[in-house]
Amino acid sequence: MALIVGCDVCGKFVKTIPWEKRSEIHKLVVCSDCEKKEKALDSYIDKAKKKVEHQLNQIYESAKKELNEMIATLANENKKE
């Protein structure tokens, strides 16, 4: 007798194993299609994170520059008084 092992994500057939070895399955079983999708999703998320981090850095630098300009303007106004 054999145990049919399906993908824990989509349920698709992955392999069969002897019934006696059924207790040896301790990790998730993932088919190659779901594995590819997971890698593609991870790659997309990494790219999105990098893009957002870049945009946040630009916003931070712009705000920092604007704040420094305001401080300089206020300092110049205080010197005139």
Protein backbone atom coordinates (compact mmCIF):
# COMPACT_ATOMS: atom_id res chain seq x y z
CA MET A 1 0.00 0.00 0.00
CA ALA A 2 1.26 3.52 -0.81
CA LEU A 3 0.48 6.95 0.48
CA ILE A 4 -0.37 9.59 -2.11
CA VAL A 5 1.28 12.88 -1.22
CA GLY A 6 -0.25 16.11 -2.50
CA CYS A 7 1.00 19.67 -2.54
CA ASP A 8 0.12 21.42 0.73
CA VAL A 9 -0.57 24.63 -1.23
CA CYS A 10 -2.71 23.55 -4.19
CA GLY A 11 -3.42 19.87 -3.50
CA LYS A 12 -1.88 18.67 -6.76
CA PHE A 13 -0.34 15.18 -6.76
CA VAL A 14 3.37 15.27 -5.97
CA LYS A 15 4.50 11.70 -5.24
CA THR A 16 3.68 8.42 -3.61
CA ILE A 17 5.61 6.92 -0.73
CA PRO A 18 5.43 3.52 0.91
CA TRP A 19 2.82 3.40 3.65
CA GLU A 20 5.46 2.41 6.19
CA LYS A 21 7.35 5.69 5.62
CA ARG A 22 4.31 7.95 6.16
CA SER A 23 5.65 9.17 9.50
CA GLU A 24 8.81 10.51 7.81
CA ILE A 25 6.98 13.46 6.23
CA HIS A 26 7.62 16.33 8.65
CA LYS A 27 7.78 19.34 6.34
CA LEU A 28 5.44 20.96 3.89
CA VAL A 29 5.25 19.31 0.50
CA VAL A 30 5.15 21.84 -2.33
CA CYS A 31 4.85 21.06 -6.04
CA SER A 32 7.23 22.64 -8.54
CA ASP A 33 4.53 24.97 -9.91
CA CYS A 34 3.78 26.43 -6.47
CA GLU A 35 7.51 26.66 -5.75
CA LYS A 36 8.02 28.70 -8.94
CA LYS A 37 5.07 30.95 -8.06
CA GLU A 38 6.47 31.45 -4.57
CA LYS A 39 9.89 32.41 -5.94
CA ALA A 40 8.28 34.79 -8.44
CA LEU A 41 6.18 36.35 -5.69
CA ASP A 42 9.23 36.73 -3.43
CA SER A 43 11.11 38.40 -6.28
CA TYR A 44 8.19 40.77 -6.95
CA ILE A 45 7.96 41.66 -3.25
CA ASP A 46 11.72 42.31 -3.06
CA LYS A 47 11.56 44.61 -6.09
CA ALA A 48 8.56 46.44 -4.65
CA LYS A 49 10.34 46.88 -1.31
CA LYS A 50 13.44 48.31 -3.02
CA LYS A 51 11.28 50.71 -5.04
CA VAL A 52 9.42 51.90 -1.94
CA GLU A 53 12.66 52.27 0.04
CA HIS A 54 14.12 54.34 -2.80
CA GLN A 55 11.03 56.57 -2.89
CA LEU A 56 11.09 56.99 0.88
CA ASN A 57 14.77 57.94 0.76
CA GLN A 58 13.99 60.54 -1.90
CA ILE A 59 11.16 61.97 0.20
CA TYR A 60 13.39 62.01 3.28
CA GLU A 61 16.23 63.76 1.45
CA SER A 62 13.83 66.29 -0.06
CA ALA A 63 12.26 67.03 3.32
CA LYS A 64 15.69 67.27 4.94
CA LYS A 65 16.86 69.72 2.28
CA GLU A 66 13.70 71.81 2.63
CA LEU A 67 14.03 71.87 6.42
CA ASN A 68 17.66 72.99 6.19
CA GLU A 69 16.65 75.76 3.80
CA MET A 70 13.93 76.91 6.22
CA ILE A 71 16.39 76.90 9.10
CA ALA A 72 18.87 78.93 7.05
CA THR A 73 16.14 81.41 6.09
CA LEU A 74 15.06 81.82 9.71
CA ALA A 75 18.67 82.25 10.80
CA ASN A 76 19.17 84.98 8.19
CA GLU A 77 15.99 86.75 9.29
CA ASN A 78 17.10 86.64 12.93
CA LYS A 79 20.48 88.14 11.99
CA LYS A 80 18.76 91.04 10.22
CA GLU A 81 16.74 91.88 13.31
